Structure formats: structure tokens, C-alpha cells
Amino acid sequence: MSMHFRDIAGQAMADGAISAEEILALRAAGWADGTMDPEEAESLFIANDHLHEPSAEWTDFFVEALSNFIVNTVPPSGYVDQEMADELISRIDHDGRVHTMTELELMLRVFEKAASVPASLKAYAMRQIEEAVVHGEGPTRHGELSGQGINADEVAMLRRFVYAPASDRPAAISLVEAEMLFRIKDATLYEVNAPEWQELFVQGVANFLFAFGGEEPLPRERMVELEQFMAEDGAGIGSFLHRMMTSDPKEGFASLLEEIQDEPEGEDEVAAAAEFTEEEQSWLQDRLDADEDLDELEKALIAFIAEETGEVFGMKV
């Protein structure tokens, strides 16, 4: 670790502040691209712990540098392994909660940058995001959290999380995420909430019920094997392309095109995912029956389903 960096981290511990000029110096030294060792990454966390009021410049630098470190240090790039996930949780968790809003933003950014993270980190992040939306207060990188109701900034944070590439169901809403949306709805039902919250709740739950989320990312173990194949002499991607280029087009490219043309387009899978199944209807009915009366968000959800499908729980409308 460079002496320059040690001095800045030590200063943060001493007086609780890092100047904008010092952050620029860190960026100039190349720290923001994540090329650091674990001891240097640890120093960033220590510095952050001792800052009285982290500036916007510091939050941007901290999030950028450490998200790159967490997501890209251990190969394959983009896949957070279990050890790295455990280390992240241990650094930001204090008695079951994320310590600072800067660290909450870091965790969210990891989900946006990574292709895949371990299940334990997904579960932990979901608890923290839910807690922050329902009870959290304070400034974040992209706005302000409020302990009273759900504001537009909190809706935006929720949206970023549930649709992040490394979320439970990339580009779509999973069962556990839909259940989280219902829990947040129930916890904030009588608060003053931003109009964007109803839209996210309705469209998010409907997404779970009807949407096709696309392909899941390759498992980390399979991605490691693929990278090893790419790097092997004689058997890697270069050799593969060479064999394609030197083969008889009638036997090589033509047969390849036939295979591509024979591939199913996934239309049947998409259509099946869009069906409102009995199991999904039962799941939704259980959520609606959890209290005596339909609330306004539940009514909006039912109306949205009716508009999209022409049916309300099997009855034509």
C-alpha cells in the first residue's frame, strides 16, 4: 500500500474528513479503477468509518473504487465469489444493519455491476434495502431516505435493486422480490407515499406474475471453465475460429446456420411465462386475503391485471 494512501486514511481517522483535493489525488493515482490489494481496500472502509460527514466526492470515489474491486478482482470478472461476498457483509454490517448510507450505495452498485453474486449476499442485500426504504433516514448518493412514507428517491433505489443484473431475477421480478414489495406496501400503507411507489408496486408484482425474465447468467463455476477454455493453447477460442475459417463452407458455416435456424425462438417459453396460472392466482389471492379489505394499491394491481389480460381471477371482464 502506498504511503500517500496510508496518510490520507490516517488523516480521516484523525480529523474525520478528507478533502476534495485529496480525493482527486487518489483518483489520479488510479485507485478508482479498483486496482488495489485487500489491505488497501480495507483502508478505504476504515477511512469511511471515521468520516463525520462523507462528501459527495468521497461517496462517489468510495463506491466506484470498491465496487470495481469487489466485482472484478477475483476471476472471472463480474462474478462475486462467496469469500468476497462474506468479506463485504462483514465490513458493512453492524449489529445486523448496514452502518452508513455510503456503504448501502456500495452494496447496491455491486448488484448493478456484477453478473452474479452468491445467494447469501442477495438475501442480506434484500433485507437491508427493505429496512432502508421502510425505516431509513439520511442522505444517499442519489437522494434522501425518509423514515416517514416512501419518497421518490426510495422508489428509485428499490427499482435499481430489483432490476439489477445480479438481483434475484435479472431484468425481472422474482417471487421473493414480489413478496418484499407486498411487505413494504403493508408497512407503509397509511403513510404519505410518492406516486412512483404505486407504479413500482403494481408493475413489479405484475412483472413477477406475467413477465419472462430472460436467461439467467452462467453459474460462476461454468464461467471459470469457459475462461480456462478461452486461454488454452490449441483448444481455445483462437483454434476454434481457425477451424471454422479453414473448413468447407458447405459443411461448416452452412451446417452452423442450419443449427441456428433450428433453434427455438423461445416464443413458447415467453407465452407460458405470460400466462396467469392457477398457482400464481392462488399466491396473489393469499396476499389479498391477508387483511380484511382491499387497499388502494391492491385495487390498482387488480385493475392492471384486468387491463392486461381481460380477466380477473379467471372471470372475463
C-alpha atoms as a PDB file:
ATOM      1  CA  MET A   1       0.000   0.000   0.000  1.00  0.00           C
ATOM      2  CA  SER A   2       1.379   3.418  -0.901  1.00  0.00           C
ATOM      3  CA  MET A   3       2.441   5.803   1.860  1.00  0.00           C
ATOM      4  CA  HIS A   4       0.296   8.500   0.217  1.00  0.00           C
ATOM      5  CA  PHE A   5      -2.808   6.433   0.629  1.00  0.00           C
ATOM      6  CA  ARG A   6      -1.914   5.468   4.207  1.00  0.00           C
ATOM      7  CA  ASP A   7      -1.516   9.137   5.071  1.00  0.00           C
ATOM      8  CA  ILE A   8      -4.960  10.025   3.717  1.00  0.00           C
ATOM      9  CA  ALA A   9      -6.633   7.129   5.511  1.00  0.00           C
ATOM     10  CA  GLY A  10      -4.822   8.110   8.704  1.00  0.00           C
ATOM     11  CA  GLN A  11      -5.969  11.700   8.352  1.00  0.00           C
ATOM     12  CA  ALA A  12      -9.583  10.559   8.045  1.00  0.00           C
ATOM     13  CA  MET A  13      -9.159   8.658  11.307  1.00  0.00           C
ATOM     14  CA  ALA A  14      -7.567  11.705  12.954  1.00  0.00           C
ATOM     15  CA  ASP A  15      -9.901  14.538  11.959  1.00  0.00           C
ATOM     16  CA  GLY A  16     -12.891  12.826  10.345  1.00  0.00           C
ATOM     17  CA  ALA A  17     -12.543  14.479   6.943  1.00  0.00           C
ATOM     18  CA  ILE A  18     -10.969  14.005   3.508  1.00  0.00           C
ATOM     19  CA  SER A  19     -10.753  16.999   1.199  1.00  0.00           C
ATOM     20  CA  ALA A  20     -11.857  17.115  -2.417  1.00  0.00           C
ATOM     21  CA  GLU A  21      -8.223  17.703  -3.419  1.00  0.00           C
ATOM     22  CA  GLU A  22      -7.120  14.517  -1.639  1.00  0.00           C
ATOM     23  CA  ILE A  23      -9.857  12.533  -3.374  1.00  0.00           C
ATOM     24  CA  LEU A  24      -8.655  13.875  -6.721  1.00  0.00           C
ATOM     25  CA  ALA A  25      -5.158  12.716  -5.793  1.00  0.00           C
ATOM     26  CA  LEU A  26      -6.475   9.235  -5.070  1.00  0.00           C
ATOM     27  CA  ARG A  27      -8.204   9.159  -8.439  1.00  0.00           C
ATOM     28  CA  ALA A  28      -5.066  10.373 -10.174  1.00  0.00           C
ATOM     29  CA  ALA A  29      -3.136   7.530  -8.545  1.00  0.00           C
ATOM     30  CA  GLY A  30      -5.501   5.075 -10.230  1.00  0.00           C
ATOM     31  CA  TRP A  31      -7.473   3.936  -7.195  1.00  0.00           C
ATOM     32  CA  ALA A  32     -10.901   4.448  -8.745  1.00  0.00           C
ATOM     33  CA  ASP A  33     -10.483   1.582 -11.231  1.00  0.00           C
ATOM     34  CA  GLY A  34     -10.385  -0.943  -8.384  1.00  0.00           C
ATOM     35  CA  THR A  35      -6.760  -1.993  -8.896  1.00  0.00           C
ATOM     36  CA  MET A  36      -5.882  -2.355  -5.235  1.00  0.00           C
ATOM     37  CA  ASP A  37      -4.999  -5.141  -2.862  1.00  0.00           C
ATOM     38  CA  PRO A  38      -7.176  -6.291   0.067  1.00  0.00           C
ATOM     39  CA  GLU A  39      -5.195  -4.218   2.574  1.00  0.00           C
ATOM     40  CA  GLU A  40      -5.791  -1.077   0.533  1.00  0.00           C
ATOM     41  CA  ALA A  41      -9.482  -1.878   0.188  1.00  0.00           C
ATOM     42  CA  GLU A  42      -9.636  -2.353   3.949  1.00  0.00           C
ATOM     43  CA  SER A  43      -8.126   1.107   4.408  1.00  0.00           C
ATOM     44  CA  LEU A  44     -10.942   2.621   2.351  1.00  0.00           C
ATOM     45  CA  PHE A  45     -13.501   1.055   4.683  1.00  0.00           C
ATOM     46  CA  ILE A  46     -11.587   2.284   7.741  1.00  0.00           C
ATOM     47  CA  ALA A  47     -11.415   5.809   6.342  1.00  0.00           C
ATOM     48  CA  ASN A  48     -15.141   5.767   5.593  1.00  0.00           C
ATOM     49  CA  ASP A  49     -15.919   4.601   9.139  1.00  0.00           C
ATOM     50  CA  HIS A  50     -14.192   7.678  10.561  1.00  0.00           C
ATOM     51  CA  LEU A  51     -15.645  10.376   8.314  1.00  0.00           C
ATOM     52  CA  HIS A  52     -18.088  12.618  10.178  1.00  0.00           C
ATOM     53  CA  GLU A  53     -19.978  13.771   7.067  1.00  0.00           C
ATOM     54  CA  PRO A  54     -18.880  11.961   3.879  1.00  0.00           C
ATOM     55  CA  SER A  55     -18.905  14.361   0.940  1.00  0.00           C
ATOM     56  CA  ALA A  56     -20.483  13.591  -2.422  1.00  0.00           C
ATOM     57  CA  GLU A  57     -16.970  13.372  -3.893  1.00  0.00           C
ATOM     58  CA  TRP A  58     -15.934  10.825  -1.284  1.00  0.00           C
ATOM     59  CA  THR A  59     -19.079   8.732  -1.717  1.00  0.00           C
ATOM     60  CA  ASP A  60     -18.594   8.631  -5.483  1.00  0.00           C
ATOM     61  CA  PHE A  61     -14.951   7.615  -5.130  1.00  0.00           C
ATOM     62  CA  PHE A  62     -15.604   5.036  -2.380  1.00  0.00           C
ATOM     63  CA  VAL A  63     -18.455   3.398  -4.315  1.00  0.00           C
ATOM     64  CA  GLU A  64     -16.648   3.421  -7.653  1.00  0.00           C
ATOM     65  CA  ALA A  65     -13.319   2.082  -6.376  1.00  0.00           C
ATOM     66  CA  LEU A  66     -14.674  -0.631  -4.095  1.00  0.00           C
ATOM     67  CA  SER A  67     -17.422  -1.855  -6.419  1.00  0.00           C
ATOM     68  CA  ASN A  68     -14.774  -2.368  -9.108  1.00  0.00           C
ATOM     69  CA  PHE A  69     -12.566  -4.165  -6.580  1.00  0.00           C
ATOM     70  CA  ILE A  70     -15.356  -6.432  -5.339  1.00  0.00           C
ATOM     71  CA  VAL A  71     -16.751  -7.323  -8.758  1.00  0.00           C
ATOM     72  CA  ASN A  72     -13.571  -7.652 -10.813  1.00  0.00           C
ATOM     73  CA  THR A  73     -10.707  -8.722  -8.511  1.00  0.00           C
ATOM     74  CA  VAL A  74     -11.423 -12.461  -8.343  1.00  0.00           C
ATOM     75  CA  PRO A  75     -11.775 -14.144 -11.770  1.00  0.00           C
ATOM     76  CA  PRO A  76     -13.939 -14.482 -13.679  1.00  0.00           C
ATOM     77  CA  SER A  77     -14.635 -10.769 -13.865  1.00  0.00           C
ATOM     78  CA  GLY A  78     -18.213  -9.883 -12.998  1.00  0.00           C
ATOM     79  CA  TYR A  79     -18.780 -12.869 -10.690  1.00  0.00           C
ATOM     80  CA  VAL A  80     -18.571 -12.177  -6.946  1.00  0.00           C
ATOM     81  CA  ASP A  81     -17.395 -15.307  -5.144  1.00  0.00           C
ATOM     82  CA  GLN A  82     -18.537 -16.436  -1.682  1.00  0.00           C
ATOM     83  CA  GLU A  83     -15.387 -15.270   0.098  1.00  0.00           C
ATOM     84  CA  MET A  84     -15.656 -11.771  -1.350  1.00  0.00           C
ATOM     85  CA  ALA A  85     -19.379 -11.629  -0.525  1.00  0.00           C
ATOM     86  CA  ASP A  86     -18.718 -12.708   3.077  1.00  0.00           C
ATOM     87  CA  GLU A  87     -15.990 -10.086   3.406  1.00  0.00           C
ATOM     88  CA  LEU A  88     -18.271  -7.332   2.082  1.00  0.00           C
ATOM     89  CA  ILE A  89     -21.009  -8.241   4.557  1.00  0.00           C
ATOM     90  CA  SER A  90     -18.549  -8.362   7.455  1.00  0.00           C
ATOM     91  CA  ARG A  91     -17.239  -4.892   6.579  1.00  0.00           C
ATOM     92  CA  ILE A  92     -20.592  -3.122   6.249  1.00  0.00           C
ATOM     93  CA  ASP A  93     -22.705  -4.989   8.823  1.00  0.00           C
ATOM     94  CA  HIS A  94     -23.039  -3.545  12.303  1.00  0.00           C
ATOM     95  CA  ASP A  95     -25.457  -5.434  14.557  1.00  0.00           C
ATOM     96  CA  GLY A  96     -27.437  -6.685  11.585  1.00  0.00           C
ATOM     97  CA  ARG A  97     -27.632  -3.376   9.731  1.00  0.00           C
ATOM     98  CA  VAL A  98     -25.572  -1.508   7.176  1.00  0.00           C
ATOM     99  CA  HIS A  99     -23.589   1.162   9.012  1.00  0.00           C
ATOM    100  CA  THR A 100     -23.700   4.079   6.566  1.00  0.00           C
ATOM    101  CA  MET A 101     -25.679   5.173   3.529  1.00  0.00           C
ATOM    102  CA  THR A 102     -22.403   5.224   1.588  1.00  0.00           C
ATOM    103  CA  GLU A 103     -21.990   1.507   2.272  1.00  0.00           C
ATOM    104  CA  LEU A 104     -25.608   0.884   1.295  1.00  0.00           C
ATOM    105  CA  GLU A 105     -24.906   2.578  -2.032  1.00  0.00           C
ATOM    106  CA  LEU A 106     -21.786   0.424  -2.446  1.00  0.00           C
ATOM    107  CA  MET A 107     -23.798  -2.754  -1.997  1.00  0.00           C
ATOM    108  CA  LEU A 108     -26.407  -1.582  -4.484  1.00  0.00           C
ATOM    109  CA  ARG A 109     -23.710  -0.672  -7.017  1.00  0.00           C
ATOM    110  CA  VAL A 110     -22.186  -4.152  -6.719  1.00  0.00           C
ATOM    111  CA  PHE A 111     -25.538  -5.606  -7.782  1.00  0.00           C
ATOM    112  CA  GLU A 112     -25.649  -3.253 -10.750  1.00  0.00           C
ATOM    113  CA  LYS A 113     -22.097  -4.034 -11.902  1.00  0.00           C
ATOM    114  CA  ALA A 114     -21.962  -7.798 -11.265  1.00  0.00           C
ATOM    115  CA  ALA A 115     -23.415 -10.557 -13.406  1.00  0.00           C
ATOM    116  CA  SER A 116     -23.902 -12.815 -10.402  1.00  0.00           C
ATOM    117  CA  VAL A 117     -23.498 -12.752  -6.619  1.00  0.00           C
ATOM    118  CA  PRO A 118     -23.930 -15.541  -4.018  1.00  0.00           C
ATOM    119  CA  ALA A 119     -27.389 -16.226  -2.591  1.00  0.00           C
ATOM    120  CA  SER A 120     -26.267 -15.115   0.875  1.00  0.00           C
ATOM    121  CA  LEU A 121     -25.431 -11.629  -0.412  1.00  0.00           C
ATOM    122  CA  LYS A 122     -28.762 -11.423  -2.261  1.00  0.00           C
ATOM    123  CA  ALA A 123     -30.665 -12.270   0.919  1.00  0.00           C
ATOM    124  CA  TYR A 124     -28.630  -9.820   3.008  1.00  0.00           C
ATOM    125  CA  ALA A 125     -28.998  -7.003   0.472  1.00  0.00           C
ATOM    126  CA  MET A 126     -32.754  -7.513   0.226  1.00  0.00           C
ATOM    127  CA  ARG A 127     -33.138  -7.195   3.999  1.00  0.00           C
ATOM    128  CA  GLN A 128     -31.035  -4.030   4.056  1.00  0.00           C
ATOM    129  CA  ILE A 129     -32.834  -2.377   1.136  1.00  0.00           C
ATOM    130  CA  GLU A 130     -36.225  -3.156   2.678  1.00  0.00           C
ATOM    131  CA  GLU A 131     -35.092  -1.797   6.041  1.00  0.00           C
ATOM    132  CA  ALA A 132     -33.707   1.352   4.443  1.00  0.00           C
ATOM    133  CA  VAL A 133     -36.917   2.045   2.495  1.00  0.00           C
ATOM    134  CA  VAL A 134     -39.239   1.456   5.456  1.00  0.00           C
ATOM    135  CA  HIS A 135     -37.179   2.930   8.314  1.00  0.00           C
ATOM    136  CA  GLY A 136     -34.005   4.529   6.937  1.00  0.00           C
ATOM    137  CA  GLU A 137     -33.161   8.208   7.143  1.00  0.00           C
ATOM    138  CA  GLY A 138     -30.334  10.303   5.761  1.00  0.00           C
ATOM    139  CA  PRO A 139     -28.653  11.391   2.542  1.00  0.00           C
ATOM    140  CA  THR A 140     -27.638   8.883  -0.105  1.00  0.00           C
ATOM    141  CA  ARG A 141     -25.657   9.204  -3.307  1.00  0.00           C
ATOM    142  CA  HIS A 142     -28.899   9.715  -5.261  1.00  0.00           C
ATOM    143  CA  GLY A 143     -31.177  11.498  -2.816  1.00  0.00           C
ATOM    144  CA  GLU A 144     -32.569  11.305   0.681  1.00  0.00           C
ATOM    145  CA  LEU A 145     -34.093   8.444   2.681  1.00  0.00           C
ATOM    146  CA  SER A 146     -37.065   9.217   4.888  1.00  0.00           C
ATOM    147  CA  GLY A 147     -38.452   7.298   7.845  1.00  0.00           C
ATOM    148  CA  GLN A 148     -41.912   8.666   7.024  1.00  0.00           C
ATOM    149  CA  GLY A 149     -43.502   7.025   3.994  1.00  0.00           C
ATOM    150  CA  ILE A 150     -41.779   6.166   0.719  1.00  0.00           C
ATOM    151  CA  ASN A 151     -40.351   9.078  -1.229  1.00  0.00           C
ATOM    152  CA  ALA A 152     -39.305   9.193  -4.879  1.00  0.00           C
ATOM    153  CA  ASP A 153     -35.633   8.589  -4.024  1.00  0.00           C
ATOM    154  CA  GLU A 154     -36.524   5.409  -2.134  1.00  0.00           C
ATOM    155  CA  VAL A 155     -38.649   4.191  -5.034  1.00  0.00           C
ATOM    156  CA  ALA A 156     -35.705   4.775  -7.364  1.00  0.00           C
ATOM    157  CA  MET A 157     -33.415   2.805  -5.046  1.00  0.00           C
ATOM    158  CA  LEU A 158     -35.882  -0.081  -4.899  1.00  0.00           C
ATOM    159  CA  ARG A 159     -36.231  -0.077  -8.677  1.00  0.00           C
ATOM    160  CA  ARG A 160     -32.448  -0.153  -9.139  1.00  0.00           C
ATOM    161  CA  PHE A 161     -32.168  -3.125  -6.798  1.00  0.00           C
ATOM    162  CA  VAL A 162     -34.956  -5.384  -8.086  1.00  0.00           C
ATOM    163  CA  TYR A 163     -33.995  -4.885 -11.747  1.00  0.00           C
ATOM    164  CA  ALA A 164     -30.201  -5.020 -11.242  1.00  0.00           C
ATOM    165  CA  PRO A 165     -28.262  -7.611 -13.307  1.00  0.00           C
ATOM    166  CA  ALA A 166     -27.205  -9.501 -10.155  1.00  0.00           C
ATOM    167  CA  SER A 167     -30.626  -9.357  -8.488  1.00  0.00           C
ATOM    168  CA  ASP A 168     -32.678 -12.441  -7.727  1.00  0.00           C
ATOM    169  CA  ARG A 169     -34.192 -12.484 -11.228  1.00  0.00           C
ATOM    170  CA  PRO A 170     -32.224 -10.275 -13.630  1.00  0.00           C
ATOM    171  CA  ALA A 171     -34.319  -7.717 -15.544  1.00  0.00           C
ATOM    172  CA  ALA A 172     -37.484  -9.076 -13.918  1.00  0.00           C
ATOM    173  CA  ILE A 173     -39.115  -9.582 -10.519  1.00  0.00           C
ATOM    174  CA  SER A 174     -38.714 -12.828  -8.577  1.00  0.00           C
ATOM    175  CA  LEU A 175     -41.097 -14.395  -6.067  1.00  0.00           C
ATOM    176  CA  VAL A 176     -39.103 -13.188  -3.048  1.00  0.00           C
ATOM    177  CA  GLU A 177     -38.882  -9.680  -4.529  1.00  0.00           C
ATOM    178  CA  ALA A 178     -42.641  -9.579  -5.162  1.00  0.00           C
ATOM    179  CA  GLU A 179     -43.211 -10.675  -1.564  1.00  0.00           C
ATOM    180  CA  MET A 180     -40.858  -7.907  -0.413  1.00  0.00           C
ATOM    181  CA  LEU A 181     -42.939  -5.359  -2.362  1.00  0.00           C
ATOM    182  CA  PHE A 182     -46.059  -6.590  -0.557  1.00  0.00           C
ATOM    183  CA  ARG A 183     -44.338  -6.323   2.849  1.00  0.00           C
ATOM    184  CA  ILE A 184     -43.212  -2.768   2.122  1.00  0.00           C
ATOM    185  CA  LYS A 185     -46.713  -1.908   0.916  1.00  0.00           C
ATOM    186  CA  ASP A 186     -48.264  -3.208   4.135  1.00  0.00           C
ATOM    187  CA  ALA A 187     -45.690  -1.433   6.327  1.00  0.00           C
ATOM    188  CA  THR A 188     -46.246   1.959   4.667  1.00  0.00           C
ATOM    189  CA  LEU A 189     -49.917   1.713   3.746  1.00  0.00           C
ATOM    190  CA  TYR A 190     -51.056   4.650   5.875  1.00  0.00           C
ATOM    191  CA  GLU A 191     -48.052   6.863   5.199  1.00  0.00           C
ATOM    192  CA  VAL A 192     -47.794   9.648   2.645  1.00  0.00           C
ATOM    193  CA  ASN A 193     -46.035   7.945  -0.272  1.00  0.00           C
ATOM    194  CA  ALA A 194     -44.712   9.209  -3.588  1.00  0.00           C
ATOM    195  CA  PRO A 195     -46.907   8.467  -6.645  1.00  0.00           C
ATOM    196  CA  GLU A 196     -43.987   6.498  -8.115  1.00  0.00           C
ATOM    197  CA  TRP A 197     -44.402   3.891  -5.362  1.00  0.00           C
ATOM    198  CA  GLN A 198     -47.810   2.691  -6.610  1.00  0.00           C
ATOM    199  CA  GLU A 199     -46.414   2.368 -10.126  1.00  0.00           C
ATOM    200  CA  LEU A 200     -43.446   0.285  -8.958  1.00  0.00           C
ATOM    201  CA  PHE A 201     -45.629  -1.925  -6.753  1.00  0.00           C
ATOM    202  CA  VAL A 202     -48.231  -2.603  -9.431  1.00  0.00           C
ATOM    203  CA  GLN A 203     -45.841  -3.103 -12.314  1.00  0.00           C
ATOM    204  CA  GLY A 204     -43.356  -5.041 -10.184  1.00  0.00           C
ATOM    205  CA  VAL A 205     -45.877  -7.597  -8.914  1.00  0.00           C
ATOM    206  CA  ALA A 206     -47.423  -7.877 -12.383  1.00  0.00           C
ATOM    207  CA  ASN A 207     -43.926  -8.437 -13.791  1.00  0.00           C
ATOM    208  CA  PHE A 208     -43.499 -11.402 -11.451  1.00  0.00           C
ATOM    209  CA  LEU A 209     -46.878 -12.819 -12.444  1.00  0.00           C
ATOM    210  CA  PHE A 210     -46.550 -12.430 -16.209  1.00  0.00           C
ATOM    211  CA  ALA A 211     -43.086 -11.472 -17.393  1.00  0.00           C
ATOM    212  CA  PHE A 212     -40.407 -13.648 -18.941  1.00  0.00           C
ATOM    213  CA  GLY A 213     -37.132 -12.663 -17.320  1.00  0.00           C
ATOM    214  CA  GLY A 214     -34.760 -13.969 -19.974  1.00  0.00           C
ATOM    215  CA  GLU A 215     -31.728 -16.149 -19.486  1.00  0.00           C
ATOM    216  CA  GLU A 216     -30.013 -16.416 -16.113  1.00  0.00           C
ATOM    217  CA  PRO A 217     -26.257 -15.688 -16.152  1.00  0.00           C
ATOM    218  CA  LEU A 218     -23.948 -18.664 -16.349  1.00  0.00           C
ATOM    219  CA  PRO A 219     -23.038 -20.112 -12.932  1.00  0.00           C
ATOM    220  CA  ARG A 220     -19.677 -18.857 -11.706  1.00  0.00           C
ATOM    221  CA  GLU A 221     -18.132 -22.347 -11.913  1.00  0.00           C
ATOM    222  CA  ARG A 222     -19.171 -22.679 -15.562  1.00  0.00           C
ATOM    223  CA  MET A 223     -17.804 -19.216 -16.341  1.00  0.00           C
ATOM    224  CA  VAL A 224     -14.440 -20.211 -14.835  1.00  0.00           C
ATOM    225  CA  GLU A 225     -14.345 -23.277 -17.092  1.00  0.00           C
ATOM    226  CA  LEU A 226     -15.204 -21.120 -20.099  1.00  0.00           C
ATOM    227  CA  GLU A 227     -12.409 -18.655 -19.368  1.00  0.00           C
ATOM    228  CA  GLN A 228      -9.954 -21.528 -18.977  1.00  0.00           C
ATOM    229  CA  PHE A 229     -11.032 -22.885 -22.372  1.00  0.00           C
ATOM    230  CA  MET A 230     -10.535 -19.465 -23.953  1.00  0.00           C
ATOM    231  CA  ALA A 231      -6.987 -19.309 -22.569  1.00  0.00           C
ATOM    232  CA  GLU A 232      -5.844 -22.815 -23.536  1.00  0.00           C
ATOM    233  CA  ASP A 233      -3.303 -23.187 -26.366  1.00  0.00           C
ATOM    234  CA  GLY A 234      -4.612 -25.200 -29.279  1.00  0.00           C
ATOM    235  CA  ALA A 235      -8.033 -25.781 -27.796  1.00  0.00           C
ATOM    236  CA  GLY A 236      -9.155 -22.239 -27.085  1.00  0.00           C
ATOM    237  CA  ILE A 237     -11.198 -19.712 -28.995  1.00  0.00           C
ATOM    238  CA  GLY A 238      -8.384 -18.883 -31.448  1.00  0.00           C
ATOM    239  CA  SER A 239      -8.095 -22.500 -32.532  1.00  0.00           C
ATOM    240  CA  PHE A 240     -11.862 -22.797 -32.752  1.00  0.00           C
ATOM    241  CA  LEU A 241     -12.136 -19.776 -35.051  1.00  0.00           C
ATOM    242  CA  HIS A 242      -9.233 -21.073 -37.156  1.00  0.00           C
ATOM    243  CA  ARG A 243     -11.018 -24.384 -37.697  1.00  0.00           C
ATOM    244  CA  MET A 244     -14.159 -22.512 -38.749  1.00  0.00           C
ATOM    245  CA  MET A 245     -12.258 -20.325 -41.220  1.00  0.00           C
ATOM    246  CA  THR A 246     -10.427 -23.254 -42.814  1.00  0.00           C
ATOM    247  CA  SER A 247     -13.403 -25.604 -43.030  1.00  0.00           C
ATOM    248  CA  ASP A 248     -15.523 -26.207 -46.120  1.00  0.00           C
ATOM    249  CA  PRO A 249     -18.227 -23.521 -46.015  1.00  0.00           C
ATOM    250  CA  LYS A 250     -20.808 -26.033 -47.214  1.00  0.00           C
ATOM    251  CA  GLU A 251     -20.029 -28.275 -44.266  1.00  0.00           C
ATOM    252  CA  GLY A 252     -19.024 -25.633 -41.731  1.00  0.00           C
ATOM    253  CA  PHE A 253     -20.959 -22.397 -41.975  1.00  0.00           C
ATOM    254  CA  ALA A 254     -23.936 -23.961 -43.746  1.00  0.00           C
ATOM    255  CA  SER A 255     -24.390 -26.583 -41.050  1.00  0.00           C
ATOM    256  CA  LEU A 256     -23.922 -23.926 -38.407  1.00  0.00           C
ATOM    257  CA  LEU A 257     -26.650 -21.816 -39.984  1.00  0.00           C
ATOM    258  CA  GLU A 258     -28.935 -24.836 -40.075  1.00  0.00           C
ATOM    259  CA  GLU A 259     -28.371 -25.344 -36.349  1.00  0.00           C
ATOM    260  CA  ILE A 260     -29.157 -21.693 -35.662  1.00  0.00           C
ATOM    261  CA  GLN A 261     -32.297 -21.826 -37.786  1.00  0.00           C
ATOM    262  CA  ASP A 262     -33.410 -24.953 -35.966  1.00  0.00           C
ATOM    263  CA  GLU A 263     -33.021 -23.282 -32.588  1.00  0.00           C
ATOM    264  CA  PRO A 264     -36.351 -22.497 -30.925  1.00  0.00           C
ATOM    265  CA  GLU A 265     -37.010 -18.798 -30.654  1.00  0.00           C
ATOM    266  CA  GLY A 266     -38.270 -19.105 -27.099  1.00  0.00           C
ATOM    267  CA  GLU A 267     -41.752 -17.928 -28.075  1.00  0.00           C
ATOM    268  CA  ASP A 268     -43.407 -20.867 -26.346  1.00  0.00           C
ATOM    269  CA  GLU A 269     -41.457 -20.166 -23.165  1.00  0.00           C
ATOM    270  CA  VAL A 270     -42.366 -16.497 -23.272  1.00  0.00           C
ATOM    271  CA  ALA A 271     -46.040 -17.322 -23.838  1.00  0.00           C
ATOM    272  CA  ALA A 272     -46.023 -19.805 -20.965  1.00  0.00           C
ATOM    273  CA  ALA A 273     -44.437 -17.266 -18.624  1.00  0.00           C
ATOM    274  CA  ALA A 274     -47.101 -14.704 -19.558  1.00  0.00           C
ATOM    275  CA  GLU A 275     -49.973 -16.983 -18.535  1.00  0.00           C
ATOM    276  CA  PHE A 276     -51.707 -16.177 -15.254  1.00  0.00           C
ATOM    277  CA  THR A 277     -51.529 -19.683 -13.787  1.00  0.00           C
ATOM    278  CA  GLU A 278     -53.656 -21.157 -11.017  1.00  0.00           C
ATOM    279  CA  GLU A 279     -50.598 -21.257  -8.777  1.00  0.00           C
ATOM    280  CA  GLU A 280     -49.939 -17.560  -9.361  1.00  0.00           C
ATOM    281  CA  GLN A 281     -53.601 -16.715  -8.801  1.00  0.00           C
ATOM    282  CA  SER A 282     -53.501 -18.645  -5.524  1.00  0.00           C
ATOM    283  CA  TRP A 283     -50.362 -16.806  -4.440  1.00  0.00           C
ATOM    284  CA  LEU A 284     -51.933 -13.439  -5.211  1.00  0.00           C
ATOM    285  CA  GLN A 285     -55.224 -14.356  -3.550  1.00  0.00           C
ATOM    286  CA  ASP A 286     -53.372 -15.278  -0.357  1.00  0.00           C
ATOM    287  CA  ARG A 287     -51.713 -11.852  -0.347  1.00  0.00           C
ATOM    288  CA  LEU A 288     -55.011 -10.064  -0.932  1.00  0.00           C
ATOM    289  CA  ASP A 289     -56.762 -12.099   1.780  1.00  0.00           C
ATOM    290  CA  ALA A 290     -54.114 -11.248   4.374  1.00  0.00           C
ATOM    291  CA  ASP A 291     -56.231  -8.285   5.514  1.00  0.00           C
ATOM    292  CA  GLU A 292     -59.975  -7.703   5.522  1.00  0.00           C
ATOM    293  CA  ASP A 293     -60.317  -5.118   2.774  1.00  0.00           C
ATOM    294  CA  LEU A 294     -58.553  -4.398  -0.483  1.00  0.00           C
ATOM    295  CA  ASP A 295     -56.339  -1.333  -0.160  1.00  0.00           C
ATOM    296  CA  GLU A 296     -55.808   1.197  -2.928  1.00  0.00           C
ATOM    297  CA  LEU A 297     -52.603  -0.393  -4.209  1.00  0.00           C
ATOM    298  CA  GLU A 298     -54.192  -3.842  -4.361  1.00  0.00           C
ATOM    299  CA  LYS A 299     -57.141  -2.393  -6.274  1.00  0.00           C
ATOM    300  CA  ALA A 300     -54.721  -0.763  -8.693  1.00  0.00           C
ATOM    301  CA  LEU A 301     -52.931  -4.088  -9.155  1.00  0.00           C
ATOM    302  CA  ILE A 302     -56.187  -5.920  -9.905  1.00  0.00           C
ATOM    303  CA  ALA A 303     -57.191  -3.220 -12.372  1.00  0.00           C
ATOM    304  CA  PHE A 304     -53.819  -3.508 -14.098  1.00  0.00           C
ATOM    305  CA  ILE A 305     -54.155  -7.295 -14.368  1.00  0.00           C
ATOM    306  CA  ALA A 306     -57.660  -6.916 -15.795  1.00  0.00           C
ATOM    307  CA  GLU A 307     -56.445  -4.418 -18.368  1.00  0.00           C
ATOM    308  CA  GLU A 308     -53.523  -6.629 -19.401  1.00  0.00           C
ATOM    309  CA  THR A 309     -55.348  -9.978 -19.514  1.00  0.00           C
ATOM    310  CA  GLY A 310     -59.056  -9.267 -19.862  1.00  0.00           C
ATOM    311  CA  GLU A 311     -59.633 -11.430 -16.795  1.00  0.00           C
ATOM    312  CA  VAL A 312     -59.869 -11.019 -13.050  1.00  0.00           C
ATOM    313  CA  PHE A 313     -59.026 -14.309 -11.367  1.00  0.00           C
ATOM    314  CA  GLY A 314     -60.457 -16.411 -14.157  1.00  0.00           C
ATOM    315  CA  MET A 315     -63.564 -14.243 -14.752  1.00  0.00           C
ATOM    316  CA  LYS A 316     -63.864 -12.452 -18.089  1.00  0.00           C
ATOM    317  CA  VAL A 317     -64.204  -8.678 -17.813  1.00  0.00           C
END
